[in-house]
């Protein structure tokens, strides 16, 4: 699991070359859009106040989400779950709201995560 709280975090992940480059580009595009939205509202984005972006990696299990306050996953109702394809791989993007101000944007390739996560995605698509 990778937690992104800043543009710098994305740059660091790109340098490490651990994650799919196309996925990181999508995450960066979405992250920049979010930063611009906050700015257009006259607000400054801060992960402590507004939320974080999380990328689940191959081999992660749903239980790892408890470290960011999501447990059990089966009881979480996302605001949305979208599928998108990058170079023949299907990823998902899910927005989980904790309250009016704080959220988590969750990216994953469901086929690389456990059955609990796959079932949650399928239930909420």
N, C-alpha and C. Protein backbone atom coordinates (compact mmCIF):
# COMPACT_ATOMS: atom_id res chain seq x y z
N UNK A 1 0.86 -1.17 0.00
CA UNK A 1 0.00 0.00 0.00
C UNK A 1 0.90 1.23 0.00
N UNK A 2 0.59 2.13 -0.91
CA UNK A 2 1.32 3.40 -1.00
C UNK A 2 0.36 4.54 -0.69
N UNK A 3 0.75 5.43 0.19
CA UNK A 3 -0.07 6.57 0.57
C UNK A 3 0.52 7.83 -0.05
N UNK A 4 -0.33 8.57 -0.74
CA UNK A 4 0.10 9.80 -1.40
C UNK A 4 -0.57 10.99 -0.71
N UNK A 5 0.26 11.92 -0.27
CA UNK A 5 -0.24 13.11 0.38
C UNK A 5 0.24 14.38 -0.31
N UNK A 6 1.10 14.22 -1.32
CA UNK A 6 1.64 15.39 -2.00
C UNK A 6 2.13 15.01 -3.39
N UNK A 7 2.34 16.02 -4.22
CA UNK A 7 2.91 15.81 -5.54
C UNK A 7 4.29 15.18 -5.42
N UNK A 8 5.01 15.54 -4.38
CA UNK A 8 6.34 15.00 -4.15
C UNK A 8 6.30 13.49 -3.94
N UNK A 9 5.27 12.99 -3.26
CA UNK A 9 5.12 11.54 -3.08
C UNK A 9 5.01 10.83 -4.43
N UNK A 10 4.27 11.41 -5.35
CA UNK A 10 4.11 10.82 -6.68
C UNK A 10 5.45 10.80 -7.40
N UNK A 11 6.18 11.90 -7.33
CA UNK A 11 7.51 11.98 -7.97
C UNK A 11 8.45 10.92 -7.41
N UNK A 12 8.40 10.72 -6.10
CA UNK A 12 9.25 9.71 -5.47
C UNK A 12 8.89 8.31 -5.99
N UNK A 13 7.60 8.02 -6.11
CA UNK A 13 7.18 6.72 -6.62
C UNK A 13 7.61 6.52 -8.06
N UNK A 14 7.57 7.58 -8.85
CA UNK A 14 8.03 7.49 -10.24
C UNK A 14 9.52 7.16 -10.29
N UNK A 15 10.29 7.78 -9.41
CA UNK A 15 11.73 7.53 -9.39
C UNK A 15 12.06 6.11 -8.96
N UNK A 16 11.25 5.56 -8.06
CA UNK A 16 11.48 4.19 -7.59
C UNK A 16 11.13 3.15 -8.65
N UNK A 17 10.27 3.51 -9.60
CA UNK A 17 9.85 2.63 -10.69
C UNK A 17 9.28 1.30 -10.19
N UNK A 18 8.58 1.34 -9.07
CA UNK A 18 7.99 0.13 -8.50
C UNK A 18 6.61 -0.13 -9.11
N UNK A 19 5.85 0.94 -9.27
CA UNK A 19 4.47 0.82 -9.75
C UNK A 19 4.38 1.11 -11.23
N UNK A 20 3.32 0.63 -11.83
CA UNK A 20 3.07 0.86 -13.26
C UNK A 20 3.08 2.36 -13.56
N UNK A 21 3.89 2.74 -14.55
CA UNK A 21 4.05 4.15 -14.89
C UNK A 21 2.73 4.77 -15.36
N UNK A 22 1.97 4.02 -16.15
CA UNK A 22 0.68 4.54 -16.63
C UNK A 22 -0.28 4.79 -15.47
N UNK A 23 -0.26 3.92 -14.46
CA UNK A 23 -1.11 4.12 -13.29
C UNK A 23 -0.67 5.36 -12.52
N UNK A 24 0.63 5.52 -12.33
CA UNK A 24 1.13 6.70 -11.63
C UNK A 24 0.78 7.99 -12.37
N UNK A 25 0.82 7.95 -13.70
CA UNK A 25 0.42 9.12 -14.48
C UNK A 25 -1.05 9.45 -14.27
N UNK A 26 -1.90 8.42 -14.20
CA UNK A 26 -3.34 8.62 -13.95
C UNK A 26 -3.55 9.20 -12.55
N UNK A 27 -2.87 8.65 -11.57
CA UNK A 27 -2.98 9.14 -10.20
C UNK A 27 -2.53 10.59 -10.13
N UNK A 28 -1.43 10.90 -10.81
CA UNK A 28 -0.92 12.28 -10.81
C UNK A 28 -1.91 13.22 -11.48
N UNK A 29 -2.50 12.81 -12.59
CA UNK A 29 -3.49 13.64 -13.28
C UNK A 29 -4.68 13.93 -12.36
N UNK A 30 -5.19 12.90 -11.70
CA UNK A 30 -6.31 13.08 -10.78
C UNK A 30 -5.92 13.94 -9.58
N UNK A 31 -4.72 13.74 -9.07
CA UNK A 31 -4.25 14.50 -7.92
C UNK A 31 -4.14 15.98 -8.26
N UNK A 32 -3.58 16.27 -9.42
CA UNK A 32 -3.47 17.68 -9.86
C UNK A 32 -4.85 18.30 -10.04
N UNK A 33 -5.78 17.54 -10.59
CA UNK A 33 -7.14 18.04 -10.76
C UNK A 33 -7.73 18.42 -9.39
N UNK A 34 -7.53 17.52 -8.42
CA UNK A 34 -8.05 17.78 -7.07
C UNK A 34 -7.42 19.04 -6.48
N UNK A 35 -6.11 19.19 -6.63
CA UNK A 35 -5.43 20.39 -6.11
C UNK A 35 -6.01 21.65 -6.75
N UNK A 36 -6.25 21.60 -8.05
CA UNK A 36 -6.83 22.75 -8.75
C UNK A 36 -8.25 23.04 -8.29
N UNK A 37 -9.01 22.00 -8.00
CA UNK A 37 -10.38 22.19 -7.50
C UNK A 37 -10.36 22.91 -6.15
N UNK A 38 -9.50 22.46 -5.26
CA UNK A 38 -9.39 23.12 -3.96
C UNK A 38 -8.98 24.58 -4.14
N UNK A 39 -8.01 24.80 -5.01
CA UNK A 39 -7.52 26.16 -5.26
C UNK A 39 -8.63 27.04 -5.83
N UNK A 40 -9.44 26.50 -6.75
CA UNK A 40 -10.52 27.28 -7.35
C UNK A 40 -11.59 27.66 -6.32
N UNK A 41 -11.68 26.88 -5.25
CA UNK A 41 -12.63 27.18 -4.18
C UNK A 41 -12.03 28.11 -3.13
N UNK A 42 -10.79 28.53 -3.37
CA UNK A 42 -10.12 29.42 -2.43
C UNK A 42 -9.57 28.69 -1.22
N UNK A 43 -9.39 27.37 -1.34
CA UNK A 43 -8.89 26.55 -0.24
C UNK A 43 -7.52 25.99 -0.59
N UNK A 44 -6.79 25.63 0.44
CA UNK A 44 -5.53 24.94 0.24
C UNK A 44 -5.71 23.50 0.67
N UNK A 45 -5.34 22.57 -0.20
CA UNK A 45 -5.44 21.15 0.12
C UNK A 45 -4.39 20.77 1.15
N UNK A 46 -4.81 20.07 2.18
CA UNK A 46 -3.88 19.47 3.14
C UNK A 46 -4.37 18.06 3.43
N UNK A 47 -3.50 17.07 3.37
CA UNK A 47 -3.94 15.69 3.60
C UNK A 47 -4.51 15.47 4.99
N UNK A 48 -4.02 16.22 5.97
CA UNK A 48 -4.53 16.06 7.34
C UNK A 48 -5.99 16.49 7.44
N UNK A 49 -6.36 17.52 6.70
CA UNK A 49 -7.73 18.04 6.75
C UNK A 49 -8.63 17.44 5.69
N UNK A 50 -8.07 17.14 4.50
CA UNK A 50 -8.90 16.82 3.35
C UNK A 50 -8.88 15.37 2.90
N UNK A 51 -7.81 14.63 3.18
CA UNK A 51 -7.78 13.23 2.79
C UNK A 51 -6.50 12.84 2.09
N UNK A 52 -6.44 11.58 1.73
CA UNK A 52 -5.24 11.02 1.11
C UNK A 52 -5.62 10.20 -0.11
N UNK A 53 -4.62 9.88 -0.90
CA UNK A 53 -4.75 8.97 -2.03
C UNK A 53 -3.97 7.71 -1.67
N UNK A 54 -4.57 6.55 -1.96
CA UNK A 54 -3.93 5.28 -1.62
C UNK A 54 -3.89 4.40 -2.86
N UNK A 55 -2.74 3.79 -3.09
CA UNK A 55 -2.60 2.80 -4.17
C UNK A 55 -2.34 1.45 -3.52
N UNK A 56 -3.24 0.49 -3.76
CA UNK A 56 -2.99 -0.87 -3.32
C UNK A 56 -2.11 -1.55 -4.34
N UNK A 57 -1.15 -2.32 -3.86
CA UNK A 57 -0.18 -2.99 -4.72
C UNK A 57 -0.44 -4.48 -4.78
N UNK A 58 0.13 -5.12 -5.79
CA UNK A 58 0.01 -6.57 -5.93
C UNK A 58 0.42 -7.24 -4.63
N UNK A 59 -0.42 -8.15 -4.17
CA UNK A 59 -0.13 -8.87 -2.93
C UNK A 59 -0.71 -8.24 -1.69
N UNK A 60 -1.18 -6.99 -1.77
CA UNK A 60 -1.83 -6.38 -0.61
C UNK A 60 -3.13 -7.13 -0.33
N UNK A 61 -3.52 -7.14 0.92
CA UNK A 61 -4.81 -7.71 1.30
C UNK A 61 -5.68 -6.60 1.89
N UNK A 62 -6.98 -6.82 1.85
CA UNK A 62 -7.94 -5.81 2.31
C UNK A 62 -7.67 -5.34 3.73
N UNK A 63 -7.17 -6.25 4.54
CA UNK A 63 -6.91 -5.93 5.95
C UNK A 63 -5.92 -4.78 6.13
N UNK A 64 -5.05 -4.54 5.13
CA UNK A 64 -4.06 -3.46 5.23
C UNK A 64 -4.76 -2.09 5.32
N UNK A 65 -5.99 -2.01 4.82
CA UNK A 65 -6.73 -0.74 4.85
C UNK A 65 -7.09 -0.29 6.26
N UNK A 66 -7.02 -1.19 7.23
CA UNK A 66 -7.32 -0.80 8.61
C UNK A 66 -6.33 0.26 9.10
N UNK A 67 -5.14 0.31 8.50
CA UNK A 67 -4.13 1.28 8.89
C UNK A 67 -4.51 2.71 8.52
N UNK A 68 -5.52 2.86 7.64
CA UNK A 68 -6.00 4.20 7.28
C UNK A 68 -7.46 4.38 7.70
N UNK A 69 -7.93 3.50 8.58
CA UNK A 69 -9.27 3.67 9.14
C UNK A 69 -10.39 2.98 8.38
N UNK A 70 -10.07 2.08 7.48
CA UNK A 70 -11.11 1.37 6.71
C UNK A 70 -11.10 -0.09 7.14
N UNK A 71 -12.05 -0.43 8.01
CA UNK A 71 -12.15 -1.80 8.49
C UNK A 71 -13.49 -2.01 9.18
N UNK A 72 -14.19 -3.06 8.87
CA UNK A 72 -13.96 -3.99 7.78
C UNK A 72 -14.46 -3.39 6.46
N UNK A 73 -13.82 -3.77 5.40
CA UNK A 73 -14.11 -3.22 4.08
C UNK A 73 -15.55 -3.51 3.65
N UNK A 74 -16.08 -4.66 4.01
CA UNK A 74 -17.42 -5.04 3.56
C UNK A 74 -18.49 -4.07 4.05
N UNK A 75 -18.22 -3.28 5.10
CA UNK A 75 -19.20 -2.33 5.62
C UNK A 75 -19.02 -0.92 5.05
N UNK A 76 -18.03 -0.74 4.19
CA UNK A 76 -17.75 0.58 3.61
C UNK A 76 -18.56 0.75 2.33
N UNK A 77 -19.29 1.85 2.25
CA UNK A 77 -20.06 2.18 1.05
C UNK A 77 -19.36 3.36 0.38
N UNK A 78 -18.76 3.12 -0.79
CA UNK A 78 -18.02 4.19 -1.46
C UNK A 78 -18.97 5.19 -2.11
N UNK A 79 -18.47 6.40 -2.28
CA UNK A 79 -19.21 7.42 -3.03
C UNK A 79 -19.32 6.99 -4.49
N UNK A 80 -18.23 6.45 -5.02
CA UNK A 80 -18.25 5.85 -6.35
C UNK A 80 -17.10 4.87 -6.50
N UNK A 81 -17.26 3.95 -7.46
CA UNK A 81 -16.20 3.06 -7.91
C UNK A 81 -16.22 3.11 -9.43
N UNK A 82 -15.09 3.47 -10.03
CA UNK A 82 -14.97 3.51 -11.49
C UNK A 82 -13.89 2.55 -11.93
N UNK A 83 -14.11 1.97 -13.11
CA UNK A 83 -13.08 1.15 -13.74
C UNK A 83 -12.43 1.97 -14.86
N UNK A 84 -11.14 1.75 -15.06
CA UNK A 84 -10.46 2.36 -16.20
C UNK A 84 -9.36 1.41 -16.65
N UNK A 85 -9.09 1.41 -17.96
CA UNK A 85 -8.09 0.53 -18.54
C UNK A 85 -6.84 1.32 -18.90
N UNK A 86 -5.70 0.74 -18.57
CA UNK A 86 -4.40 1.30 -18.95
C UNK A 86 -3.57 0.17 -19.52
N UNK A 87 -3.25 0.27 -20.77
CA UNK A 87 -2.41 -0.73 -21.45
C UNK A 87 -2.90 -2.15 -21.23
N UNK A 88 -4.22 -2.34 -21.33
CA UNK A 88 -4.80 -3.67 -21.23
C UNK A 88 -5.03 -4.18 -19.81
N UNK A 89 -4.79 -3.36 -18.83
CA UNK A 89 -5.01 -3.74 -17.43
C UNK A 89 -6.17 -2.91 -16.90
N UNK A 90 -7.11 -3.58 -16.22
CA UNK A 90 -8.25 -2.88 -15.65
C UNK A 90 -7.95 -2.52 -14.20
N UNK A 91 -8.03 -1.23 -13.91
CA UNK A 91 -7.85 -0.70 -12.56
C UNK A 91 -9.17 -0.14 -12.07
N UNK A 92 -9.25 0.08 -10.77
CA UNK A 92 -10.41 0.77 -10.20
C UNK A 92 -9.95 1.97 -9.41
N UNK A 93 -10.85 2.93 -9.34
CA UNK A 93 -10.67 4.14 -8.54
C UNK A 93 -11.93 4.26 -7.70
N UNK A 94 -11.77 4.33 -6.39
CA UNK A 94 -12.91 4.38 -5.47
C UNK A 94 -12.75 5.56 -4.53
N UNK A 95 -13.83 6.30 -4.34
CA UNK A 95 -13.82 7.42 -3.40
C UNK A 95 -14.59 7.01 -2.16
N UNK A 96 -13.91 7.09 -1.01
CA UNK A 96 -14.52 6.74 0.27
C UNK A 96 -14.55 8.00 1.12
N UNK A 97 -15.75 8.40 1.50
CA UNK A 97 -15.92 9.60 2.33
C UNK A 97 -15.97 9.20 3.79
N UNK A 98 -15.20 9.89 4.60
CA UNK A 98 -15.26 9.70 6.04
C UNK A 98 -16.21 10.71 6.66
N UNK A 99 -16.22 11.93 6.12
CA UNK A 99 -17.15 12.98 6.52
C UNK A 99 -17.17 14.02 5.41
N UNK A 100 -17.75 15.17 5.64
CA UNK A 100 -17.85 16.18 4.58
C UNK A 100 -16.50 16.75 4.15
N UNK A 101 -15.49 16.62 4.99
CA UNK A 101 -14.19 17.22 4.68
C UNK A 101 -13.10 16.21 4.34
N UNK A 102 -13.20 14.97 4.80
CA UNK A 102 -12.09 14.03 4.68
C UNK A 102 -12.49 12.80 3.86
N UNK A 103 -11.63 12.44 2.90
CA UNK A 103 -11.91 11.29 2.05
C UNK A 103 -10.62 10.55 1.69
N UNK A 104 -10.80 9.35 1.14
CA UNK A 104 -9.69 8.56 0.62
C UNK A 104 -10.03 8.18 -0.81
N UNK A 105 -9.10 8.45 -1.72
CA UNK A 105 -9.22 7.99 -3.10
C UNK A 105 -8.35 6.75 -3.19
N UNK A 106 -8.95 5.63 -3.56
CA UNK A 106 -8.29 4.33 -3.53
C UNK A 106 -8.15 3.77 -4.94
N UNK A 107 -6.92 3.50 -5.37
CA UNK A 107 -6.62 2.93 -6.68
C UNK A 107 -6.12 1.50 -6.50
N UNK A 108 -6.52 0.61 -7.42
CA UNK A 108 -6.03 -0.77 -7.35
C UNK A 108 -6.32 -1.51 -8.65
N UNK A 109 -5.57 -2.56 -8.85
CA UNK A 109 -5.90 -3.57 -9.85
C UNK A 109 -6.53 -4.70 -9.05
N UNK A 110 -7.87 -4.80 -9.05
CA UNK A 110 -8.54 -5.77 -8.18
C UNK A 110 -8.04 -7.21 -8.32
N UNK A 111 -7.60 -7.57 -9.52
CA UNK A 111 -7.14 -8.95 -9.72
C UNK A 111 -5.85 -9.23 -8.95
N UNK A 112 -5.17 -8.20 -8.48
CA UNK A 112 -3.93 -8.37 -7.72
C UNK A 112 -4.15 -8.31 -6.21
N UNK A 113 -5.39 -8.04 -5.81
CA UNK A 113 -5.71 -7.92 -4.38
C UNK A 113 -6.56 -9.13 -4.00
N UNK A 114 -6.83 -9.31 -2.74
CA UNK A 114 -7.54 -10.50 -2.28
C UNK A 114 -9.01 -10.54 -2.70
N UNK A 115 -9.63 -11.69 -2.47
CA UNK A 115 -11.04 -11.90 -2.86
C UNK A 115 -11.98 -10.93 -2.16
N UNK A 116 -11.70 -10.58 -0.92
CA UNK A 116 -12.55 -9.63 -0.19
C UNK A 116 -12.62 -8.31 -0.94
N UNK A 117 -11.48 -7.82 -1.41
CA UNK A 117 -11.44 -6.57 -2.15
C UNK A 117 -12.17 -6.73 -3.49
N UNK A 118 -11.91 -7.81 -4.19
CA UNK A 118 -12.57 -8.06 -5.47
C UNK A 118 -14.09 -8.10 -5.31
N UNK A 119 -14.57 -8.77 -4.26
CA UNK A 119 -16.01 -8.82 -4.01
C UNK A 119 -16.58 -7.45 -3.70
N UNK A 120 -15.85 -6.64 -2.94
CA UNK A 120 -16.29 -5.29 -2.60
C UNK A 120 -16.40 -4.44 -3.85
N UNK A 121 -15.40 -4.53 -4.72
CA UNK A 121 -15.43 -3.79 -5.98
C UNK A 121 -16.64 -4.21 -6.80
N UNK A 122 -16.80 -5.51 -7.01
CA UNK A 122 -17.92 -6.01 -7.82
C UNK A 122 -19.27 -5.60 -7.25
N UNK A 123 -19.40 -5.57 -5.95
CA UNK A 123 -20.65 -5.18 -5.30
C UNK A 123 -20.95 -3.70 -5.53
N UNK A 124 -19.92 -2.88 -5.63
CA UNK A 124 -20.11 -1.41 -5.68
C UNK A 124 -19.92 -0.79 -7.05
N UNK A 125 -19.59 -1.59 -8.06
CA UNK A 125 -19.46 -1.04 -9.42
C UNK A 125 -20.80 -0.59 -9.96
